[in-house]
PDB file of N, CA and C in Angstrom:
ATOM      1  N   MET A   1       2.443  30.104  13.005  1.00  0.00           N
ATOM      2  CA  MET A   1       2.550  30.019  11.570  1.00  0.00           C
ATOM      3  C   MET A   1       1.655  28.877  11.082  1.00  0.00           C
ATOM      4  N   ALA A   2       0.849  29.162  10.092  1.00  0.00           N
ATOM      5  CA  ALA A   2      -0.064  28.163   9.540  1.00  0.00           C
ATOM      6  C   ALA A   2       0.712  27.144   8.710  1.00  0.00           C
ATOM      7  N   LEU A   3       0.216  25.922   8.720  1.00  0.00           N
ATOM      8  CA  LEU A   3       0.836  24.871   7.925  1.00  0.00           C
ATOM      9  C   LEU A   3       0.513  25.070   6.450  1.00  0.00           C
ATOM     10  N   ILE A   4       1.447  24.713   5.609  1.00  0.00           N
ATOM     11  CA  ILE A   4       1.227  24.753   4.165  1.00  0.00           C
ATOM     12  C   ILE A   4       0.218  23.660   3.835  1.00  0.00           C
ATOM     13  N   ASP A   5      -0.802  24.041   3.065  1.00  0.00           N
ATOM     14  CA  ASP A   5      -1.860  23.072   2.777  1.00  0.00           C
ATOM     15  C   ASP A   5      -2.162  22.924   1.288  1.00  0.00           C
ATOM     16  N   ASN A   6      -1.254  23.393   0.434  1.00  0.00           N
ATOM     17  CA  ASN A   6      -1.452  23.151  -1.002  1.00  0.00           C
ATOM     18  C   ASN A   6      -0.184  22.533  -1.591  1.00  0.00           C
ATOM     19  N   GLU A   7      -0.398  21.683  -2.574  1.00  0.00           N
ATOM     20  CA  GLU A   7       0.697  20.882  -3.134  1.00  0.00           C
ATOM     21  C   GLU A   7       1.799  21.723  -3.759  1.00  0.00           C
ATOM     22  N   LYS A   8       1.442  22.773  -4.442  1.00  0.00           N
ATOM     23  CA  LYS A   8       2.444  23.603  -5.117  1.00  0.00           C
ATOM     24  C   LYS A   8       3.439  24.173  -4.108  1.00  0.00           C
ATOM     25  N   ASP A   9       2.930  24.730  -3.025  1.00  0.00           N
ATOM     26  CA  ASP A   9       3.811  25.311  -2.014  1.00  0.00           C
ATOM     27  C   ASP A   9       4.601  24.227  -1.263  1.00  0.00           C
ATOM     28  N   ALA A  10       3.985  23.069  -1.050  1.00  0.00           N
ATOM     29  CA  ALA A  10       4.683  21.974  -0.381  1.00  0.00           C
ATOM     30  C   ALA A  10       5.847  21.484  -1.238  1.00  0.00           C
ATOM     31  N   ARG A  11       5.614  21.353  -2.531  1.00  0.00           N
ATOM     32  CA  ARG A  11       6.698  20.944  -3.447  1.00  0.00           C
ATOM     33  C   ARG A  11       7.808  21.989  -3.472  1.00  0.00           C
ATOM     34  N   ARG A  12       7.429  23.244  -3.507  1.00  0.00           N
ATOM     35  CA  ARG A  12       8.414  24.330  -3.534  1.00  0.00           C
ATOM     36  C   ARG A  12       9.283  24.296  -2.276  1.00  0.00           C
ATOM     37  N   LEU A  13       8.662  24.113  -1.121  1.00  0.00           N
ATOM     38  CA  LEU A  13       9.420  24.047   0.124  1.00  0.00           C
ATOM     39  C   LEU A  13      10.348  22.835   0.129  1.00  0.00           C
ATOM     40  N   ALA A  14       9.855  21.698  -0.320  1.00  0.00           N
ATOM     41  CA  ALA A  14      10.679  20.490  -0.361  1.00  0.00           C
ATOM     42  C   ALA A  14      11.910  20.705  -1.231  1.00  0.00           C
ATOM     43  N   ARG A  15      11.727  21.305  -2.389  1.00  0.00           N
ATOM     44  CA  ARG A  15      12.860  21.562  -3.291  1.00  0.00           C
ATOM     45  C   ARG A  15      13.828  22.586  -2.702  1.00  0.00           C
ATOM     46  N   ALA A  16      13.300  23.583  -2.005  1.00  0.00           N
ATOM     47  CA  ALA A  16      14.174  24.590  -1.383  1.00  0.00           C
ATOM     48  C   ALA A  16      15.040  23.956  -0.299  1.00  0.00           C
ATOM     49  N   ILE A  17      14.448  23.100   0.503  1.00  0.00           N
ATOM     50  CA  ILE A  17      15.214  22.424   1.557  1.00  0.00           C
ATOM     51  C   ILE A  17      16.258  21.495   0.939  1.00  0.00           C
ATOM     52  N   ALA A  18      15.860  20.731  -0.071  1.00  0.00           N
ATOM     53  CA  ALA A  18      16.808  19.842  -0.749  1.00  0.00           C
ATOM     54  C   ALA A  18      17.937  20.644  -1.395  1.00  0.00           C
ATOM     55  N   SER A  19      17.610  21.782  -1.962  1.00  0.00           N
ATOM     56  CA  SER A  19      18.634  22.642  -2.572  1.00  0.00           C
ATOM     57  C   SER A  19      19.613  23.153  -1.533  1.00  0.00           C
ATOM     58  N   ASP A  20      19.116  23.513  -0.363  1.00  0.00           N
ATOM     59  CA  ASP A  20      20.007  23.961   0.714  1.00  0.00           C
ATOM     60  C   ASP A  20      20.931  22.830   1.146  1.00  0.00           C
ATOM     61  N   ILE A  21      20.387  21.630   1.267  1.00  0.00           N
ATOM     62  CA  ILE A  21      21.227  20.475   1.622  1.00  0.00           C
ATOM     63  C   ILE A  21      22.319  20.294   0.571  1.00  0.00           C
ATOM     64  N   ALA A  22      21.947  20.385  -0.692  1.00  0.00           N
ATOM     65  CA  ALA A  22      22.918  20.227  -1.781  1.00  0.00           C
ATOM     66  C   ALA A  22      23.972  21.333  -1.766  1.00  0.00           C
ATOM     67  N   LEU A  23      23.540  22.539  -1.545  1.00  0.00           N
ATOM     68  CA  LEU A  23      24.450  23.687  -1.562  1.00  0.00           C
ATOM     69  C   LEU A  23      25.516  23.593  -0.475  1.00  0.00           C
ATOM     70  N   TYR A  24      25.103  23.215   0.717  1.00  0.00           N
ATOM     71  CA  TYR A  24      26.021  23.220   1.849  1.00  0.00           C
ATOM     72  C   TYR A  24      26.766  21.892   2.047  1.00  0.00           C
ATOM     73  N   ASN A  25      26.485  20.904   1.220  1.00  0.00           N
ATOM     74  CA  ASN A  25      27.106  19.593   1.396  1.00  0.00           C
ATOM     75  C   ASN A  25      27.602  19.004   0.083  1.00  0.00           C
ATOM     76  N   GLU A  26      28.064  19.834  -0.801  1.00  0.00           N
ATOM     77  CA  GLU A  26      28.488  19.413  -2.141  1.00  0.00           C
ATOM     78  C   GLU A  26      29.525  18.289  -2.092  1.00  0.00           C
ATOM     79  N   GLU A  27      30.546  18.434  -1.284  1.00  0.00           N
ATOM     80  CA  GLU A  27      31.610  17.428  -1.216  1.00  0.00           C
ATOM     81  C   GLU A  27      31.102  16.110  -0.639  1.00  0.00           C
ATOM     82  N   LYS A  28      30.282  16.190   0.404  1.00  0.00           N
ATOM     83  CA  LYS A  28      29.730  14.983   1.014  1.00  0.00           C
ATOM     84  C   LYS A  28      28.843  14.235   0.022  1.00  0.00           C
ATOM     85  N   ILE A  29      28.075  14.969  -0.749  1.00  0.00           N
ATOM     86  CA  ILE A  29      27.179  14.356  -1.724  1.00  0.00           C
ATOM     87  C   ILE A  29      27.989  13.644  -2.808  1.00  0.00           C
ATOM     88  N   ALA A  30      29.010  14.314  -3.323  1.00  0.00           N
ATOM     89  CA  ALA A  30      29.864  13.692  -4.338  1.00  0.00           C
ATOM     90  C   ALA A  30      30.520  12.433  -3.789  1.00  0.00           C
ATOM     91  N   GLU A  31      30.994  12.496  -2.560  1.00  0.00           N
ATOM     92  CA  GLU A  31      31.608  11.326  -1.921  1.00  0.00           C
ATOM     93  C   GLU A  31      30.585  10.196  -1.763  1.00  0.00           C
ATOM     94  N   GLY A  32      29.402  10.533  -1.301  1.00  0.00           N
ATOM     95  CA  GLY A  32      28.355   9.538  -1.093  1.00  0.00           C
ATOM     96  C   GLY A  32      27.914   8.873  -2.383  1.00  0.00           C
ATOM     97  N   LEU A  33      27.813   9.658  -3.450  1.00  0.00           N
ATOM     98  CA  LEU A  33      27.445   9.086  -4.747  1.00  0.00           C
ATOM     99  C   LEU A  33      28.560   8.198  -5.287  1.00  0.00           C
ATOM    100  N   ALA A  34      29.782   8.650  -5.154  1.00  0.00           N
ATOM    101  CA  ALA A  34      30.918   7.884  -5.664  1.00  0.00           C
ATOM    102  C   ALA A  34      31.059   6.547  -4.946  1.00  0.00           C
ATOM    103  N   ASN A  35      30.719   6.518  -3.668  1.00  0.00           N
ATOM    104  CA  ASN A  35      30.902   5.306  -2.860  1.00  0.00           C
ATOM    105  C   ASN A  35      29.599   4.562  -2.583  1.00  0.00           C
ATOM    106  N   ASP A  36      28.521   4.967  -3.228  1.00  0.00           N
ATOM    107  CA  ASP A  36      27.205   4.358  -3.013  1.00  0.00           C
ATOM    108  C   ASP A  36      26.817   4.373  -1.533  1.00  0.00           C
ATOM    109  N   SER A  37      27.059   5.524  -0.892  1.00  0.00           N
ATOM    110  CA  SER A  37      26.739   5.668   0.533  1.00  0.00           C
ATOM    111  C   SER A  37      26.114   7.041   0.811  1.00  0.00           C
ATOM    112  N   LEU A  38      25.398   7.562  -0.175  1.00  0.00           N
ATOM    113  CA  LEU A  38      24.882   8.928  -0.080  1.00  0.00           C
ATOM    114  C   LEU A  38      24.116   9.175   1.210  1.00  0.00           C
ATOM    115  N   PHE A  39      23.152   8.324   1.503  1.00  0.00           N
ATOM    116  CA  PHE A  39      22.310   8.604   2.662  1.00  0.00           C
ATOM    117  C   PHE A  39      22.972   8.240   3.980  1.00  0.00           C
ATOM    118  N   ASP A  40      24.049   7.493   3.935  1.00  0.00           N
ATOM    119  CA  ASP A  40      24.860   7.294   5.136  1.00  0.00           C
ATOM    120  C   ASP A  40      25.668   8.568   5.414  1.00  0.00           C
ATOM    121  N   VAL A  41      26.185   9.160   4.359  1.00  0.00           N
ATOM    122  CA  VAL A  41      27.050  10.328   4.486  1.00  0.00           C
ATOM    123  C   VAL A  41      26.270  11.584   4.882  1.00  0.00           C
ATOM    124  N   ILE A  42      25.083  11.764   4.325  1.00  0.00           N
ATOM    125  CA  ILE A  42      24.321  12.986   4.625  1.00  0.00           C
ATOM    126  C   ILE A  42      23.010  12.694   5.360  1.00  0.00           C
ATOM    127  N   GLY A  43      22.951  11.557   6.024  1.00  0.00           N
ATOM    128  CA  GLY A  43      21.730  11.168   6.731  1.00  0.00           C
ATOM    129  C   GLY A  43      21.264  12.188   7.754  1.00  0.00           C
ATOM    130  N   GLU A  44      22.185  12.738   8.505  1.00  0.00           N
ATOM    131  CA  GLU A  44      21.829  13.724   9.531  1.00  0.00           C
ATOM    132  C   GLU A  44      21.210  14.971   8.904  1.00  0.00           C
ATOM    133  N   GLU A  45      21.807  15.452   7.835  1.00  0.00           N
ATOM    134  CA  GLU A  45      21.295  16.634   7.154  1.00  0.00           C
ATOM    135  C   GLU A  45      19.915  16.371   6.547  1.00  0.00           C
ATOM    136  N   VAL A  46      19.741  15.177   5.978  1.00  0.00           N
ATOM    137  CA  VAL A  46      18.448  14.819   5.385  1.00  0.00           C
ATOM    138  C   VAL A  46      17.378  14.753   6.465  1.00  0.00           C
ATOM    139  N   GLU A  47      17.682  14.142   7.595  1.00  0.00           N
ATOM    140  CA  GLU A  47      16.685  14.027   8.662  1.00  0.00           C
ATOM    141  C   GLU A  47      16.344  15.393   9.263  1.00  0.00           C
ATOM    142  N   GLU A  48      17.334  16.267   9.355  1.00  0.00           N
ATOM    143  CA  GLU A  48      17.068  17.630   9.828  1.00  0.00           C
ATOM    144  C   GLU A  48      16.146  18.350   8.839  1.00  0.00           C
ATOM    145  N   GLY A  49      16.423  18.200   7.554  1.00  0.00           N
ATOM    146  CA  GLY A  49      15.577  18.813   6.530  1.00  0.00           C
ATOM    147  C   GLY A  49      14.176  18.238   6.535  1.00  0.00           C
ATOM    148  N   ARG A  50      14.070  16.920   6.705  1.00  0.00           N
ATOM    149  CA  ARG A  50      12.765  16.261   6.743  1.00  0.00           C
ATOM    150  C   ARG A  50      11.944  16.764   7.943  1.00  0.00           C
ATOM    151  N   ALA A  51      12.597  16.905   9.088  1.00  0.00           N
ATOM    152  CA  ALA A  51      11.900  17.397  10.281  1.00  0.00           C
ATOM    153  C   ALA A  51      11.395  18.822  10.059  1.00  0.00           C
ATOM    154  N   HIS A  52      12.217  19.641   9.437  1.00  0.00           N
ATOM    155  CA  HIS A  52      11.794  21.017   9.140  1.00  0.00           C
ATOM    156  C   HIS A  52      10.607  21.007   8.183  1.00  0.00           C
ATOM    157  N   TYR A  53      10.694  20.208   7.138  1.00  0.00           N
ATOM    158  CA  TYR A  53       9.608  20.100   6.165  1.00  0.00           C
ATOM    159  C   TYR A  53       8.317  19.631   6.847  1.00  0.00           C
ATOM    160  N   LYS A  54       8.433  18.608   7.659  1.00  0.00           N
ATOM    161  CA  LYS A  54       7.259  18.061   8.352  1.00  0.00           C
ATOM    162  C   LYS A  54       6.609  19.103   9.254  1.00  0.00           C
ATOM    163  N   SER A  55       7.415  19.961   9.851  1.00  0.00           N
ATOM    164  CA  SER A  55       6.877  20.985  10.749  1.00  0.00           C
ATOM    165  C   SER A  55       6.152  22.096  10.005  1.00  0.00           C
ATOM    166  N   ARG A  56       6.353  22.187   8.702  1.00  0.00           N
ATOM    167  CA  ARG A  56       5.791  23.292   7.925  1.00  0.00           C
ATOM    168  C   ARG A  56       4.616  22.916   7.032  1.00  0.00           C
ATOM    169  N   VAL A  57       4.395  21.601   6.786  1.00  0.00           N
ATOM    170  CA  VAL A  57       3.310  21.190   5.883  1.00  0.00           C
ATOM    171  C   VAL A  57       2.266  20.366   6.633  1.00  0.00           C
ATOM    172  N   SER A  58       1.073  20.308   6.065  1.00  0.00           N
ATOM    173  CA  SER A  58       0.002  19.518   6.677  1.00  0.00           C
ATOM    174  C   SER A  58       0.380  18.030   6.613  1.00  0.00           C
ATOM    175  N   PRO A  59      -0.110  17.237   7.559  1.00  0.00           N
ATOM    176  CA  PRO A  59       0.203  15.799   7.558  1.00  0.00           C
ATOM    177  C   PRO A  59      -0.181  15.108   6.246  1.00  0.00           C
ATOM    178  N   THR A  60      -1.275  15.511   5.646  1.00  0.00           N
ATOM    179  CA  THR A  60      -1.703  14.909   4.378  1.00  0.00           C
ATOM    180  C   THR A  60      -0.656  15.130   3.290  1.00  0.00           C
ATOM    181  N   LEU A  61      -0.120  16.336   3.223  1.00  0.00           N
ATOM    182  CA  LEU A  61       0.901  16.626   2.211  1.00  0.00           C
ATOM    183  C   LEU A  61       2.228  15.968   2.557  1.00  0.00           C
ATOM    184  N   PHE A  62       2.554  15.887   3.829  1.00  0.00           N
ATOM    185  CA  PHE A  62       3.794  15.217   4.214  1.00  0.00           C
ATOM    186  C   PHE A  62       3.767  13.757   3.755  1.00  0.00           C
ATOM    187  N   ASP A  63       2.632  13.128   3.863  1.00  0.00           N
ATOM    188  CA  ASP A  63       2.488  11.718   3.473  1.00  0.00           C
ATOM    189  C   ASP A  63       2.612  11.490   1.968  1.00  0.00           C
ATOM    190  N   LYS A  64       2.587  12.538   1.171  1.00  0.00           N
ATOM    191  CA  LYS A  64       2.701  12.383  -0.287  1.00  0.00           C
ATOM    192  C   LYS A  64       4.147  12.288  -0.763  1.00  0.00           C
ATOM    193  N   ASN A  65       5.097  12.318   0.140  1.00  0.00           N
ATOM    194  CA  ASN A  65       6.526  12.116  -0.164  1.00  0.00           C
ATOM    195  C   ASN A  65       7.145  13.150  -1.104  1.00  0.00           C
ATOM    196  N   PHE A  66       6.644  14.360  -1.092  1.00  0.00           N
ATOM    197  CA  PHE A  66       7.249  15.404  -1.917  1.00  0.00           C
ATOM    198  C   PHE A  66       8.700  15.652  -1.514  1.00  0.00           C
ATOM    199  N   PHE A  67       8.990  15.534  -0.231  1.00  0.00           N
ATOM    200  CA  PHE A  67      10.355  15.773   0.238  1.00  0.00           C
ATOM    201  C   PHE A  67      11.316  14.722  -0.331  1.00  0.00           C
ATOM    202  N   ASP A  68      10.924  13.460  -0.279  1.00  0.00           N
ATOM    203  CA  ASP A  68      11.786  12.404  -0.815  1.00  0.00           C
ATOM    204  C   ASP A  68      12.003  12.556  -2.316  1.00  0.00           C
ATOM    205  N   ARG A  69      10.967  12.927  -3.025  1.00  0.00           N
ATOM    206  CA  ARG A  69      11.106  13.150  -4.475  1.00  0.00           C
ATOM    207  C   ARG A  69      12.047  14.308  -4.756  1.00  0.00           C
ATOM    208  N   ALA A  70      11.961  15.363  -3.950  1.00  0.00           N
ATOM    209  CA  ALA A  70      12.852  16.513  -4.132  1.00  0.00           C
ATOM    210  C   ALA A  70      14.301  16.106  -3.880  1.00  0.00           C
ATOM    211  N   LEU A  71      14.527  15.250  -2.892  1.00  0.00           N
ATOM    212  CA  LEU A  71      15.887  14.774  -2.631  1.00  0.00           C
ATOM    213  C   LEU A  71      16.458  14.058  -3.845  1.00  0.00           C
ATOM    214  N   VAL A  72      15.668  13.198  -4.447  1.00  0.00           N
ATOM    215  CA  VAL A  72      16.138  12.475  -5.631  1.00  0.00           C
ATOM    216  C   VAL A  72      16.409  13.452  -6.767  1.00  0.00           C
ATOM    217  N   ASP A  73      15.488  14.360  -7.020  1.00  0.00           N
ATOM    218  CA  ASP A  73      15.666  15.324  -8.110  1.00  0.00           C
ATOM    219  C   ASP A  73      16.881  16.213  -7.901  1.00  0.00           C
ATOM    220  N   VAL A  74      17.030  16.739  -6.714  1.00  0.00           N
ATOM    221  CA  VAL A  74      18.074  17.736  -6.465  1.00  0.00           C
ATOM    222  C   VAL A  74      19.417  17.096  -6.130  1.00  0.00           C
ATOM    223  N   LEU A  75      19.414  16.076  -5.287  1.00  0.00           N
ATOM    224  CA  LEU A  75      20.687  15.501  -4.837  1.00  0.00           C
ATOM    225  C   LEU A  75      21.239  14.443  -5.777  1.00  0.00           C
ATOM    226  N   VAL A  76      20.383  13.729  -6.467  1.00  0.00           N
ATOM    227  CA  VAL A  76      20.863  12.621  -7.294  1.00  0.00           C
ATOM    228  C   VAL A  76      20.863  12.987  -8.775  1.00  0.00           C
ATOM    229  N   ARG A  77      19.738  13.342  -9.308  1.00  0.00           N
ATOM    230  CA  ARG A  77      19.660  13.625 -10.753  1.00  0.00           C
ATOM    231  C   ARG A  77      20.583  14.757 -11.182  1.00  0.00           C
ATOM    232  N   SER A  78      20.714  15.762 -10.352  1.00  0.00           N
ATOM    233  CA  SER A  78      21.553  16.897 -10.734  1.00  0.00           C
ATOM    234  C   SER A  78      23.040  16.589 -10.643  1.00  0.00           C
ATOM    235  N   LYS A  79      23.382  15.434 -10.100  1.00  0.00           N
ATOM    236  CA  LYS A  79      24.794  15.076  -9.935  1.00  0.00           C
ATOM    237  C   LYS A  79      25.208  13.957 -10.891  1.00  0.00           C
ATOM    238  N   GLY A  80      24.583  13.869 -12.036  1.00  0.00           N
ATOM    239  CA  GLY A  80      24.896  12.838 -13.016  1.00  0.00           C
ATOM    240  C   GLY A  80      26.334  12.875 -13.503  1.00  0.00           C
ATOM    241  N   HIS A  81      26.992  13.998 -13.345  1.00  0.00           N
ATOM    242  CA  HIS A  81      28.385  14.138 -13.771  1.00  0.00           C
ATOM    243  C   HIS A  81      29.375  13.495 -12.797  1.00  0.00           C
ATOM    244  N   VAL A  82      28.913  13.163 -11.605  1.00  0.00           N
ATOM    245  CA  VAL A  82      29.791  12.558 -10.605  1.00  0.00           C
ATOM    246  C   VAL A  82      29.954  11.075 -10.924  1.00  0.00           C
ATOM    247  N   LYS A  83      31.194  10.627 -10.983  1.00  0.00           N
ATOM    248  CA  LYS A  83      31.456   9.212 -11.259  1.00  0.00           C
ATOM    249  C   LYS A  83      30.934   8.390 -10.083  1.00  0.00           C
ATOM    250  N   SER A  84      30.112   7.387 -10.399  1.00  0.00           N
ATOM    251  CA  SER A  84      29.470   6.609  -9.368  1.00  0.00           C
ATOM    252  C   SER A  84      29.229   5.185  -9.818  1.00  0.00           C
ATOM    253  N   VAL A  85      29.189   4.270  -8.863  1.00  0.00           N
ATOM    254  CA  VAL A  85      28.845   2.895  -9.174  1.00  0.00           C
ATOM    255  C   VAL A  85      27.348   2.767  -9.441  1.00  0.00           C
ATOM    256  N   LEU A  86      26.587   3.795  -9.134  1.00  0.00           N
ATOM    257  CA  LEU A  86      25.146   3.777  -9.341  1.00  0.00           C
ATOM    258  C   LEU A  86      24.771   3.871 -10.820  1.00  0.00           C
ATOM    259  N   TRP A  87      25.636   4.492 -11.626  1.00  0.00           N
ATOM    260  CA  TRP A  87      25.357   4.609 -13.053  1.00  0.00           C
ATOM    261  C   TRP A  87      26.598   4.456 -13.880  1.00  0.00           C
TER     262      TRP A  87
END
């Protein structure tokens, strides 16, 4: 399988992986946000997603941090309704 080599597709993949993490870990994410321990609580899932993302995109695109931005957009911004010490 060829590596993804354009930004649009790399961003799309990053968001899809982040969405899957959010979908399957809703309770853990809410707990992590509420206790300011999000990446401690879902660290394993994030690293698994990051490894998958890295295996699918070119090194140049991986270095642009699209995956990390997708995590913030999908896991944090979309959970503004969760009571948290962060906001």
